[in-house]
Amino acid sequence: MTRKGRGYAVVLAAGAIVLAVSTLAAGCASAPADPPQIPPAAQAAEQHQDARITLPVTVGVAFHHPTLANRTEYAVLFTVQQAMRSMVQAEYSSNGQDTELTEYWSGGGLKAVQTQIKDWVSHQQQPVGVIVLDNTKYTPASGTRPASVTFCADWSHVVRGESRTHVVGAAVQSKGAHPTYEQLGVARGTDKHWRVNSLSSAANSAKCP
């Protein structure tokens, strides 16, 4: 299933790997039960932003995470990586839709992320720049409790692109503010696929340096 009418490229950096959305999002394949291993994190390169740009342009997510201890841990973190990618793709779209949202989000997590996406679309804006996810911590699932992944989401390198005028708007996060503290619950369904089933966010959080 090929996306039409929008030549954007979303780049997702997971450790040392850069994944281009043009190859990841071209098909509508289901989330793999056994995802490929994600290598240890590497520092993201600085991203220069021009004062005025023409959309569509690149929007990206740099995902920094701890060294992975076992297959379950990287399966969970792979799911988080893909969930964030599908969220950003939907925020960048003209209608807030992405075919892979339900592959990596479910329940309360899906509702929460759809609210965030709706805010971008209703203002006819698109994220432009690089979102940096850092200070990632993983807690394994236990009994009926889902796995937990927390991180600090730095939006200070992202501006609000006006989709109608193609002009750069205000920064999403001021340089003096703390990043947003995000907590995700990740559960494995009966189909053996992990999905983010809860999401809470705290902007300008003192938990984030």
N, C-alpha and C. Protein backbone atom coordinates (compact mmCIF):
# COMPACT_ATOMS: atom_id res chain seq x y z
N MET A 1 0.85 -1.17 0.00
CA MET A 1 0.00 0.00 0.00
C MET A 1 0.89 1.23 0.00
N THR A 2 0.87 2.03 -1.04
CA THR A 2 1.79 3.15 -1.17
C THR A 2 1.11 4.44 -0.80
N ARG A 3 1.80 5.29 -0.01
CA ARG A 3 1.27 6.60 0.33
C ARG A 3 1.37 7.50 -0.90
N LYS A 4 0.33 8.29 -1.15
CA LYS A 4 0.30 9.16 -2.32
C LYS A 4 0.11 10.61 -1.90
N GLY A 5 0.60 11.50 -2.77
CA GLY A 5 0.27 12.91 -2.62
C GLY A 5 1.11 13.65 -1.61
N ARG A 6 2.09 13.00 -0.94
CA ARG A 6 2.88 13.73 0.04
C ARG A 6 4.29 13.17 0.04
N GLY A 7 5.24 14.00 -0.39
CA GLY A 7 6.58 13.52 -0.56
C GLY A 7 7.46 13.69 0.64
N TYR A 8 6.90 13.62 1.84
CA TYR A 8 7.71 13.84 3.02
C TYR A 8 8.56 12.63 3.34
N ALA A 9 9.59 12.87 4.16
CA ALA A 9 10.43 11.77 4.63
C ALA A 9 10.60 11.93 6.12
N VAL A 10 10.07 11.00 6.90
CA VAL A 10 10.24 11.01 8.34
C VAL A 10 11.43 10.11 8.65
N VAL A 11 12.39 10.61 9.43
CA VAL A 11 13.57 9.83 9.76
C VAL A 11 13.52 9.48 11.22
N LEU A 12 13.69 8.21 11.53
CA LEU A 12 13.68 7.74 12.91
C LEU A 12 15.03 7.17 13.23
N ALA A 13 15.73 7.77 14.18
CA ALA A 13 17.05 7.28 14.56
C ALA A 13 16.94 6.45 15.82
N ALA A 14 17.28 5.16 15.73
CA ALA A 14 17.27 4.28 16.89
C ALA A 14 18.70 3.83 17.10
N GLY A 15 19.35 4.41 18.08
CA GLY A 15 20.76 4.14 18.26
C GLY A 15 21.51 4.60 17.02
N ALA A 16 22.24 3.69 16.38
CA ALA A 16 23.04 4.06 15.22
C ALA A 16 22.29 3.85 13.91
N ILE A 17 21.04 3.39 13.98
CA ILE A 17 20.30 3.09 12.76
C ILE A 17 19.36 4.23 12.41
N VAL A 18 19.34 4.64 11.15
CA VAL A 18 18.41 5.65 10.66
C VAL A 18 17.44 4.95 9.72
N LEU A 19 16.16 5.04 10.05
CA LEU A 19 15.13 4.36 9.26
C LEU A 19 14.33 5.38 8.49
N ALA A 20 14.31 5.28 7.16
CA ALA A 20 13.56 6.22 6.34
C ALA A 20 12.13 5.74 6.23
N VAL A 21 11.18 6.67 6.42
CA VAL A 21 9.77 6.31 6.37
C VAL A 21 9.33 5.90 4.98
N SER A 22 10.01 6.40 3.97
CA SER A 22 9.61 6.01 2.62
C SER A 22 9.68 4.51 2.42
N THR A 23 10.57 3.82 3.16
CA THR A 23 10.63 2.36 3.05
C THR A 23 9.80 1.69 4.13
N LEU A 24 9.72 2.29 5.32
CA LEU A 24 8.99 1.66 6.41
C LEU A 24 7.48 1.77 6.24
N ALA A 25 7.03 2.91 5.75
CA ALA A 25 5.60 3.16 5.73
C ALA A 25 4.96 2.84 4.40
N ALA A 26 5.75 2.41 3.43
CA ALA A 26 5.18 2.14 2.12
C ALA A 26 4.22 0.97 2.16
N GLY A 27 4.46 0.01 3.03
CA GLY A 27 3.57 -1.14 3.12
C GLY A 27 2.74 -1.10 4.37
N CYS A 28 1.74 -1.94 4.44
CA CYS A 28 0.83 -1.97 5.58
C CYS A 28 0.99 -3.28 6.34
N ALA A 29 2.21 -3.74 6.47
CA ALA A 29 2.46 -5.01 7.15
C ALA A 29 2.17 -4.89 8.64
N SER A 30 1.78 -5.99 9.25
CA SER A 30 1.50 -6.00 10.68
C SER A 30 2.79 -5.90 11.47
N ALA A 31 2.67 -5.46 12.72
CA ALA A 31 3.83 -5.37 13.60
C ALA A 31 4.41 -6.76 13.79
N PRO A 32 5.71 -6.91 13.58
CA PRO A 32 6.30 -8.25 13.71
C PRO A 32 6.30 -8.74 15.14
N ALA A 33 6.03 -10.03 15.33
CA ALA A 33 6.07 -10.60 16.67
C ALA A 33 7.50 -10.69 17.17
N ASP A 34 8.46 -10.86 16.25
CA ASP A 34 9.88 -10.96 16.59
C ASP A 34 10.63 -9.87 15.84
N PRO A 35 10.69 -8.66 16.41
CA PRO A 35 11.31 -7.53 15.70
C PRO A 35 12.83 -7.66 15.66
N PRO A 36 13.47 -6.95 14.75
CA PRO A 36 14.94 -6.97 14.69
C PRO A 36 15.53 -6.27 15.91
N GLN A 37 16.74 -6.65 16.27
CA GLN A 37 17.38 -6.06 17.43
C GLN A 37 17.75 -4.62 17.19
N ILE A 38 17.58 -3.78 18.24
CA ILE A 38 17.97 -2.38 18.17
C ILE A 38 19.32 -2.25 18.87
N PRO A 39 20.30 -1.64 18.23
CA PRO A 39 21.62 -1.51 18.87
C PRO A 39 21.60 -0.45 19.97
N PRO A 40 22.64 -0.39 20.80
CA PRO A 40 22.73 0.65 21.84
C PRO A 40 22.64 2.04 21.25
N ALA A 41 22.26 2.99 22.10
CA ALA A 41 22.01 4.36 21.63
C ALA A 41 23.29 5.07 21.25
N ALA A 42 23.14 6.03 20.36
CA ALA A 42 24.23 6.94 20.01
C ALA A 42 23.67 8.36 20.05
N GLN A 43 24.50 9.31 20.27
CA GLN A 43 24.06 10.69 20.36
C GLN A 43 23.57 11.19 19.02
N ALA A 44 22.47 11.96 19.02
CA ALA A 44 21.91 12.50 17.79
C ALA A 44 22.73 13.71 17.33
N ALA A 45 22.80 13.88 16.03
CA ALA A 45 23.52 15.04 15.49
C ALA A 45 22.68 16.29 15.67
N GLU A 46 23.35 17.42 15.78
CA GLU A 46 22.64 18.69 15.90
C GLU A 46 21.85 18.94 14.62
N GLN A 47 20.69 19.54 14.77
CA GLN A 47 19.82 19.78 13.62
C GLN A 47 19.67 21.29 13.41
N HIS A 48 20.07 21.77 12.25
CA HIS A 48 19.94 23.19 11.95
C HIS A 48 18.56 23.47 11.39
N GLN A 49 17.94 24.55 11.86
CA GLN A 49 16.63 24.94 11.38
C GLN A 49 16.71 26.31 10.72
N ASP A 50 16.23 26.41 9.48
CA ASP A 50 16.19 27.70 8.81
C ASP A 50 15.04 28.53 9.36
N ALA A 51 15.13 29.85 9.19
CA ALA A 51 14.09 30.74 9.68
C ALA A 51 12.80 30.57 8.89
N ARG A 52 12.92 30.18 7.64
CA ARG A 52 11.73 29.98 6.79
C ARG A 52 12.01 28.80 5.88
N ILE A 53 11.07 27.92 5.78
CA ILE A 53 11.25 26.74 4.93
C ILE A 53 9.96 26.46 4.17
N THR A 54 10.05 25.59 3.22
CA THR A 54 8.88 25.16 2.47
C THR A 54 8.54 23.73 2.87
N LEU A 55 7.31 23.49 3.26
CA LEU A 55 6.86 22.16 3.60
C LEU A 55 6.44 21.44 2.32
N PRO A 56 6.48 20.12 2.24
CA PRO A 56 6.90 19.22 3.30
C PRO A 56 8.42 19.12 3.40
N VAL A 57 8.88 18.90 4.61
CA VAL A 57 10.30 18.72 4.87
C VAL A 57 10.47 17.54 5.80
N THR A 58 11.69 17.31 6.24
CA THR A 58 11.96 16.17 7.12
C THR A 58 11.55 16.46 8.55
N VAL A 59 10.87 15.51 9.16
CA VAL A 59 10.62 15.52 10.60
C VAL A 59 11.17 14.20 11.12
N GLY A 60 11.82 14.23 12.27
CA GLY A 60 12.46 13.01 12.73
C GLY A 60 12.34 12.79 14.22
N VAL A 61 12.66 11.58 14.63
CA VAL A 61 12.68 11.19 16.03
C VAL A 61 14.01 10.52 16.31
N ALA A 62 14.78 11.04 17.26
CA ALA A 62 16.02 10.41 17.69
C ALA A 62 15.73 9.69 19.00
N PHE A 63 15.84 8.37 18.99
CA PHE A 63 15.46 7.54 20.14
C PHE A 63 16.71 7.00 20.81
N HIS A 64 17.03 7.51 22.00
CA HIS A 64 18.16 7.03 22.78
C HIS A 64 17.64 6.07 23.85
N HIS A 65 18.27 4.91 23.97
CA HIS A 65 17.78 3.91 24.91
C HIS A 65 18.94 3.15 25.52
N PRO A 66 18.72 2.46 26.62
CA PRO A 66 19.80 1.71 27.26
C PRO A 66 20.21 0.49 26.44
N THR A 67 21.38 -0.05 26.77
CA THR A 67 21.80 -1.30 26.16
C THR A 67 20.77 -2.38 26.48
N LEU A 68 20.40 -3.17 25.49
CA LEU A 68 19.29 -4.09 25.64
C LEU A 68 19.76 -5.43 26.21
N ALA A 69 19.07 -5.88 27.26
CA ALA A 69 19.51 -7.06 28.01
C ALA A 69 19.02 -8.37 27.42
N ASN A 70 17.84 -8.36 26.79
CA ASN A 70 17.28 -9.61 26.27
C ASN A 70 16.28 -9.31 25.15
N ARG A 71 15.77 -10.37 24.54
CA ARG A 71 14.88 -10.21 23.38
C ARG A 71 13.57 -9.52 23.74
N THR A 72 13.05 -9.79 24.93
CA THR A 72 11.81 -9.13 25.32
C THR A 72 12.00 -7.63 25.44
N GLU A 73 13.13 -7.22 26.00
CA GLU A 73 13.38 -5.78 26.15
C GLU A 73 13.45 -5.09 24.80
N TYR A 74 14.17 -5.68 23.84
CA TYR A 74 14.22 -4.96 22.56
C TYR A 74 12.93 -5.10 21.78
N ALA A 75 12.11 -6.13 22.04
CA ALA A 75 10.79 -6.20 21.42
C ALA A 75 9.92 -5.06 21.92
N VAL A 76 9.98 -4.79 23.23
CA VAL A 76 9.20 -3.69 23.81
C VAL A 76 9.68 -2.35 23.28
N LEU A 77 11.02 -2.14 23.26
CA LEU A 77 11.55 -0.87 22.81
C LEU A 77 11.36 -0.67 21.31
N PHE A 78 11.39 -1.77 20.55
CA PHE A 78 11.07 -1.68 19.13
C PHE A 78 9.63 -1.19 18.94
N THR A 79 8.72 -1.70 19.77
CA THR A 79 7.32 -1.29 19.69
C THR A 79 7.18 0.19 20.01
N VAL A 80 7.88 0.65 21.04
CA VAL A 80 7.84 2.08 21.40
C VAL A 80 8.39 2.93 20.26
N GLN A 81 9.50 2.48 19.68
CA GLN A 81 10.09 3.19 18.55
C GLN A 81 9.09 3.34 17.41
N GLN A 82 8.44 2.24 17.04
CA GLN A 82 7.50 2.26 15.94
C GLN A 82 6.23 3.04 16.30
N ALA A 83 5.82 2.97 17.55
CA ALA A 83 4.65 3.73 18.00
C ALA A 83 4.90 5.22 17.85
N MET A 84 6.08 5.68 18.27
CA MET A 84 6.40 7.10 18.16
C MET A 84 6.52 7.51 16.70
N ARG A 85 7.07 6.63 15.87
CA ARG A 85 7.16 6.94 14.44
C ARG A 85 5.78 7.12 13.83
N SER A 86 4.86 6.20 14.14
CA SER A 86 3.51 6.31 13.57
C SER A 86 2.79 7.54 14.09
N MET A 87 3.04 7.92 15.35
CA MET A 87 2.45 9.14 15.90
C MET A 87 2.91 10.37 15.12
N VAL A 88 4.23 10.46 14.90
CA VAL A 88 4.77 11.62 14.19
C VAL A 88 4.28 11.66 12.75
N GLN A 89 4.20 10.49 12.11
CA GLN A 89 3.66 10.45 10.74
C GLN A 89 2.24 10.98 10.69
N ALA A 90 1.42 10.59 11.67
CA ALA A 90 0.03 11.04 11.70
C ALA A 90 -0.04 12.54 11.96
N GLU A 91 0.82 13.05 12.84
CA GLU A 91 0.85 14.49 13.12
C GLU A 91 1.26 15.28 11.89
N TYR A 92 2.09 14.68 11.08
CA TYR A 92 2.58 15.36 9.88
C TYR A 92 1.61 15.25 8.71
N SER A 93 0.66 14.33 8.79
CA SER A 93 -0.28 14.14 7.69
C SER A 93 -1.30 15.26 7.67
N SER A 94 -2.06 15.34 6.59
CA SER A 94 -3.07 16.38 6.46
C SER A 94 -4.36 16.04 7.19
N ASN A 95 -4.57 14.75 7.50
CA ASN A 95 -5.83 14.34 8.13
C ASN A 95 -5.65 13.64 9.48
N GLY A 96 -4.41 13.53 9.96
CA GLY A 96 -4.18 12.92 11.27
C GLY A 96 -4.28 11.40 11.26
N GLN A 97 -4.26 10.79 10.09
CA GLN A 97 -4.40 9.35 9.99
C GLN A 97 -3.06 8.70 9.64
N ASP A 98 -2.85 7.51 10.17
CA ASP A 98 -1.72 6.69 9.77
C ASP A 98 -2.14 5.24 9.93
N THR A 99 -1.92 4.46 8.90
CA THR A 99 -2.41 3.08 8.90
C THR A 99 -1.75 2.22 9.97
N GLU A 100 -0.60 2.64 10.49
CA GLU A 100 0.11 1.80 11.45
C GLU A 100 -0.17 2.18 12.91
N LEU A 101 -1.00 3.18 13.15
CA LEU A 101 -1.30 3.57 14.53
C LEU A 101 -1.83 2.39 15.34
N THR A 102 -2.80 1.67 14.80
CA THR A 102 -3.40 0.57 15.54
C THR A 102 -2.51 -0.67 15.59
N GLU A 103 -1.41 -0.68 14.83
CA GLU A 103 -0.46 -1.77 14.92
C GLU A 103 0.40 -1.65 16.18
N TYR A 104 0.59 -0.41 16.65
CA TYR A 104 1.50 -0.17 17.77
C TYR A 104 0.84 0.53 18.96
N TRP A 105 -0.43 0.92 18.83
CA TRP A 105 -1.16 1.57 19.92
C TRP A 105 -2.48 0.85 20.13
N SER A 106 -2.96 0.83 21.37
CA SER A 106 -4.27 0.24 21.67
C SER A 106 -4.85 0.89 22.91
N GLY A 107 -6.16 0.69 23.13
CA GLY A 107 -6.81 1.14 24.36
C GLY A 107 -6.60 2.59 24.70
N GLY A 108 -6.29 2.85 25.98
CA GLY A 108 -6.09 4.22 26.45
C GLY A 108 -4.90 4.90 25.79
N GLY A 109 -3.88 4.12 25.42
CA GLY A 109 -2.74 4.70 24.73
C GLY A 109 -3.12 5.26 23.38
N LEU A 110 -3.94 4.53 22.65
CA LEU A 110 -4.39 4.97 21.33
C LEU A 110 -5.24 6.24 21.46
N LYS A 111 -6.14 6.27 22.44
CA LYS A 111 -6.98 7.47 22.63
C LYS A 111 -6.13 8.68 22.97
N ALA A 112 -5.12 8.49 23.84
CA ALA A 112 -4.27 9.61 24.25
C ALA A 112 -3.47 10.16 23.08
N VAL A 113 -2.91 9.27 22.26
CA VAL A 113 -2.10 9.75 21.15
C VAL A 113 -2.98 10.38 20.07
N GLN A 114 -4.20 9.89 19.89
CA GLN A 114 -5.11 10.50 18.92
C GLN A 114 -5.48 11.92 19.33
N THR A 115 -5.56 12.17 20.63
CA THR A 115 -5.83 13.53 21.12
C THR A 115 -4.68 14.46 20.76
N GLN A 116 -3.45 13.98 20.93
CA GLN A 116 -2.29 14.80 20.58
C GLN A 116 -2.24 15.07 19.08
N ILE A 117 -2.54 14.05 18.29
CA ILE A 117 -2.54 14.21 16.84
C ILE A 117 -3.61 15.20 16.40
N LYS A 118 -4.79 15.11 17.00
CA LYS A 118 -5.90 16.00 16.65
C LYS A 118 -5.54 17.45 16.89
N ASP A 119 -4.75 17.72 17.93
CA ASP A 119 -4.36 19.10 18.23
C ASP A 119 -3.53 19.69 17.09
N TRP A 120 -2.63 18.89 16.52
CA TRP A 120 -1.84 19.37 15.39
C TRP A 120 -2.72 19.62 14.17
N VAL A 121 -3.55 18.65 13.85
CA VAL A 121 -4.36 18.73 12.63
C VAL A 121 -5.40 19.85 12.72
N SER A 122 -6.02 20.02 13.89
CA SER A 122 -7.05 21.05 14.04
C SER A 122 -6.49 22.46 13.87
N HIS A 123 -5.20 22.63 14.18
CA HIS A 123 -4.56 23.93 14.00
C HIS A 123 -3.86 24.04 12.64
N GLN A 124 -4.02 22.99 11.82
CA GLN A 124 -3.41 22.92 10.48
C GLN A 124 -1.91 23.20 10.57
N GLN A 125 -1.29 22.48 11.49
CA GLN A 125 0.15 22.59 11.69
C GLN A 125 0.79 21.22 11.59
N GLN A 126 2.10 21.23 11.34
CA GLN A 126 2.87 19.99 11.24
C GLN A 126 4.20 20.17 11.98
N PRO A 127 4.67 19.14 12.69
CA PRO A 127 5.98 19.25 13.36
C PRO A 127 7.10 19.25 12.34
N VAL A 128 8.06 20.14 12.52
CA VAL A 128 9.20 20.27 11.62
C VAL A 128 10.47 20.30 12.46
N GLY A 129 11.33 19.32 12.30
CA GLY A 129 12.56 19.28 13.07
C GLY A 129 12.83 17.88 13.59
N VAL A 130 13.51 17.79 14.73
CA VAL A 130 13.86 16.50 15.31
C VAL A 130 13.43 16.44 16.77
N ILE A 131 12.63 15.42 17.13
CA ILE A 131 12.22 15.16 18.50
C ILE A 131 13.24 14.20 19.10
N VAL A 132 13.81 14.56 20.24
CA VAL A 132 14.84 13.72 20.86
C VAL A 132 14.25 13.04 22.10
N LEU A 133 14.24 11.72 22.09
CA LEU A 133 13.76 10.92 23.22
C LEU A 133 14.99 10.39 23.95
N ASP A 134 15.15 10.82 25.21
CA ASP A 134 16.36 10.49 25.95
C ASP A 134 16.01 10.06 27.37
N ASN A 135 17.05 9.64 28.13
CA ASN A 135 16.86 9.18 29.51
C ASN A 135 15.81 8.06 29.57
N THR A 136 15.88 7.16 28.63
CA THR A 136 14.91 6.07 28.53
C THR A 136 15.14 5.02 29.62
N LYS A 137 14.06 4.63 30.28
CA LYS A 137 14.12 3.58 31.31
C LYS A 137 13.06 2.53 31.00
N TYR A 138 13.45 1.28 31.18
CA TYR A 138 12.57 0.15 30.87
C TYR A 138 12.32 -0.67 32.13
N THR A 139 11.04 -0.99 32.40
CA THR A 139 10.66 -1.87 33.49
C THR A 139 9.90 -3.05 32.90
N PRO A 140 10.37 -4.29 33.12
CA PRO A 140 9.71 -5.44 32.50
C PRO A 140 8.27 -5.63 32.99
N ALA A 141 7.48 -6.29 32.18
CA ALA A 141 6.12 -6.66 32.58
C ALA A 141 6.21 -7.66 33.73
N SER A 142 5.19 -7.65 34.58
CA SER A 142 5.15 -8.58 35.72
C SER A 142 3.70 -8.96 35.99
N GLY A 143 3.37 -10.22 35.84
CA GLY A 143 1.99 -10.66 36.04
C GLY A 143 1.06 -9.97 35.06
N THR A 144 0.04 -9.30 35.58
CA THR A 144 -0.90 -8.57 34.72
C THR A 144 -0.44 -7.14 34.45
N ARG A 145 0.65 -6.72 35.08
CA ARG A 145 1.15 -5.37 34.87
C ARG A 145 1.96 -5.30 33.58
N PRO A 146 1.64 -4.34 32.70
CA PRO A 146 2.38 -4.25 31.44
C PRO A 146 3.80 -3.74 31.67
N ALA A 147 4.63 -3.91 30.67
CA ALA A 147 5.96 -3.31 30.72
C ALA A 147 5.83 -1.79 30.72
N SER A 148 6.80 -1.11 31.28
CA SER A 148 6.78 0.35 31.34
C SER A 148 8.04 0.90 30.68
N VAL A 149 7.85 1.91 29.86
CA VAL A 149 8.97 2.63 29.24
C VAL A 149 8.76 4.11 29.50
N THR A 150 9.74 4.75 30.10
CA THR A 150 9.68 6.19 30.32
C THR A 150 10.85 6.86 29.61
N PHE A 151 10.62 8.10 29.19
CA PHE A 151 11.71 8.87 28.58
C PHE A 151 11.36 10.36 28.66
N CYS A 152 12.36 11.17 28.37
CA CYS A 152 12.18 12.62 28.29
C CYS A 152 12.15 13.00 26.82
N ALA A 153 11.06 13.63 26.41
CA ALA A 153 10.89 14.02 25.01
C ALA A 153 11.23 15.50 24.86
N ASP A 154 12.34 15.78 24.20
CA ASP A 154 12.80 17.15 23.98
C ASP A 154 12.28 17.65 22.63
N TRP A 155 11.36 18.63 22.68
CA TRP A 155 10.76 19.20 21.48
C TRP A 155 11.36 20.56 21.15
N SER A 156 12.49 20.91 21.77
CA SER A 156 13.04 22.25 21.57
C SER A 156 13.63 22.44 20.18
N HIS A 157 13.86 21.33 19.45
CA HIS A 157 14.38 21.43 18.09
C HIS A 157 13.26 21.30 17.05
N VAL A 158 12.02 21.43 17.51
CA VAL A 158 10.86 21.26 16.62
C VAL A 158 10.05 22.55 16.58
N VAL A 159 9.67 22.96 15.38
CA VAL A 159 8.81 24.14 15.21
C VAL A 159 7.49 23.70 14.60
N ARG A 160 6.51 24.58 14.72
CA ARG A 160 5.18 24.31 14.17
C ARG A 160 5.10 24.86 12.75
N GLY A 161 5.19 23.96 11.77
CA GLY A 161 5.07 24.39 10.38
C GLY A 161 3.62 24.60 10.01
N GLU A 162 3.33 25.73 9.40
CA GLU A 162 1.96 26.04 8.98
C GLU A 162 1.69 25.35 7.65
N SER A 163 0.81 24.36 7.67
CA SER A 163 0.58 23.56 6.46
C SER A 163 -0.11 24.36 5.35
N ARG A 164 -0.81 25.43 5.71
CA ARG A 164 -1.49 26.23 4.69
C ARG A 164 -0.55 27.23 4.03
N THR A 165 0.29 27.90 4.84
CA THR A 165 1.15 28.97 4.34
C THR A 165 2.57 28.52 4.06
N HIS A 166 2.95 27.33 4.54
CA HIS A 166 4.30 26.80 4.36
C HIS A 166 5.35 27.70 5.01
N VAL A 167 4.98 28.28 6.13
CA VAL A 167 5.89 29.14 6.87
C VAL A 167 6.12 28.53 8.25
N VAL A 168 7.35 28.65 8.73
CA VAL A 168 7.69 28.13 10.04
C VAL A 168 7.04 28.96 11.13
N GLY A 169 6.43 28.29 12.11
CA GLY A 169 5.81 28.98 13.23
C GLY A 169 6.69 28.91 14.47
N ALA A 170 6.05 28.96 15.63
CA ALA A 170 6.77 28.99 16.90
C ALA A 170 7.35 27.63 17.24
N ALA A 171 8.38 27.65 18.10
CA ALA A 171 8.96 26.41 18.61
C ALA A 171 7.94 25.72 19.52
N VAL A 172 7.91 24.39 19.49
CA VAL A 172 7.00 23.64 20.34
C VAL A 172 7.40 23.76 21.81
N GLN A 173 8.70 23.74 22.08
CA GLN A 173 9.21 23.82 23.45
C GLN A 173 10.28 24.90 23.51
N SER A 174 10.14 25.83 24.43
CA SER A 174 11.14 26.90 24.56
C SER A 174 12.46 26.31 25.04
N LYS A 175 13.56 26.96 24.69
CA LYS A 175 14.89 26.45 25.02
C LYS A 175 15.11 26.38 26.53
N GLY A 176 14.41 27.20 27.30
CA GLY A 176 14.61 27.20 28.75
C GLY A 176 13.77 26.20 29.51
N ALA A 177 12.84 25.54 28.81
CA ALA A 177 11.93 24.61 29.49
C ALA A 177 12.52 23.22 29.57
N HIS A 178 12.07 22.44 30.56
CA HIS A 178 12.46 21.04 30.65
C HIS A 178 11.72 20.25 29.56
N PRO A 179 12.28 19.14 29.12
CA PRO A 179 11.55 18.26 28.19
C PRO A 179 10.27 17.70 28.83
N THR A 180 9.46 17.06 28.02
CA THR A 180 8.24 16.43 28.50
C THR A 180 8.54 15.01 28.99
N TYR A 181 8.07 14.70 30.18
CA TYR A 181 8.25 13.35 30.73
C TYR A 181 7.12 12.47 30.25
N GLU A 182 7.45 11.40 29.55
CA GLU A 182 6.45 10.49 28.98
C GLU A 182 6.56 9.12 29.66
N GLN A 183 5.40 8.54 29.99
CA GLN A 183 5.37 7.19 30.54
C GLN A 183 4.41 6.36 29.70
N LEU A 184 4.92 5.25 29.15
CA LEU A 184 4.14 4.38 28.28
C LEU A 184 4.02 2.99 28.90
N GLY A 185 2.80 2.45 28.89
CA GLY A 185 2.58 1.05 29.25
C GLY A 185 2.55 0.24 27.97
N VAL A 186 3.27 -0.88 27.94
CA VAL A 186 3.35 -1.69 26.73
C VAL A 186 2.97 -3.12 27.08
N ALA A 187 1.89 -3.62 26.48
CA ALA A 187 1.38 -4.96 26.79
C ALA A 187 1.41 -5.85 25.55
N ARG A 188 1.55 -7.14 25.78
CA ARG A 188 1.56 -8.10 24.68
C ARG A 188 0.18 -8.73 24.55
N GLY A 189 -0.39 -8.65 23.35
CA GLY A 189 -1.74 -9.16 23.13
C GLY A 189 -1.77 -10.65 22.85
N THR A 190 -2.95 -11.16 22.66
CA THR A 190 -3.12 -12.59 22.37
C THR A 190 -2.53 -12.95 21.01
N ASP A 191 -2.32 -11.94 20.14
CA ASP A 191 -1.71 -12.18 18.83
C ASP A 191 -0.18 -12.15 18.91
N LYS A 192 0.35 -12.03 20.16
CA LYS A 192 1.79 -12.03 20.42
C LYS A 192 2.47 -10.71 20.06
N HIS A 193 1.70 -9.71 19.67
CA HIS A 193 2.27 -8.41 19.32
C HIS A 193 2.20 -7.48 20.53
N TRP A 194 3.28 -6.74 20.74
CA TRP A 194 3.30 -5.72 21.79
C TRP A 194 2.67 -4.44 21.26
N ARG A 195 1.91 -3.74 22.11
CA ARG A 195 1.32 -2.45 21.75
C ARG A 195 1.34 -1.52 22.96
N VAL A 196 1.46 -0.24 22.69
CA VAL A 196 1.39 0.77 23.77
C VAL A 196 -0.07 0.94 24.16
N ASN A 197 -0.43 0.57 25.38
CA ASN A 197 -1.84 0.64 25.80
C ASN A 197 -2.12 1.74 26.80
N SER A 198 -1.09 2.51 27.19
CA SER A 198 -1.32 3.68 28.04
C SER A 198 -0.23 4.70 27.79
N LEU A 199 -0.59 5.96 27.96
CA LEU A 199 0.36 7.05 27.73
C LEU A 199 0.02 8.21 28.64
N SER A 200 1.01 8.68 29.40
CA SER A 200 0.83 9.90 30.20
C SER A 200 2.00 10.82 29.91
N SER A 201 1.72 12.13 29.90
CA SER A 201 2.73 13.12 29.57
C SER A 201 2.70 14.26 30.57
N ALA A 202 3.87 14.75 30.93
CA ALA A 202 3.99 15.91 31.82
C ALA A 202 4.98 16.87 31.20
N ALA A 203 4.48 17.98 30.66
CA ALA A 203 5.33 18.97 30.00
C ALA A 203 6.19 19.71 31.03
N ASN A 204 7.36 20.17 30.59
CA ASN A 204 8.27 20.97 31.43
C ASN A 204 8.49 20.26 32.78
N SER A 205 8.82 18.98 32.71
CA SER A 205 8.91 18.17 33.92
C SER A 205 10.29 18.27 34.58
N ALA A 206 10.27 18.41 35.90
CA ALA A 206 11.52 18.45 36.66
C ALA A 206 12.22 17.09 36.66
N LYS A 207 11.52 16.04 36.23
CA LYS A 207 12.15 14.72 36.11
C LYS A 207 13.13 14.67 34.94
N CYS A 208 13.04 15.65 34.07
CA CYS A 208 13.90 15.68 32.88
C CYS A 208 14.91 16.81 33.00
N PRO A 209 16.18 16.52 32.80
CA PRO A 209 17.22 17.55 32.93
C PRO A 209 17.13 18.59 31.81
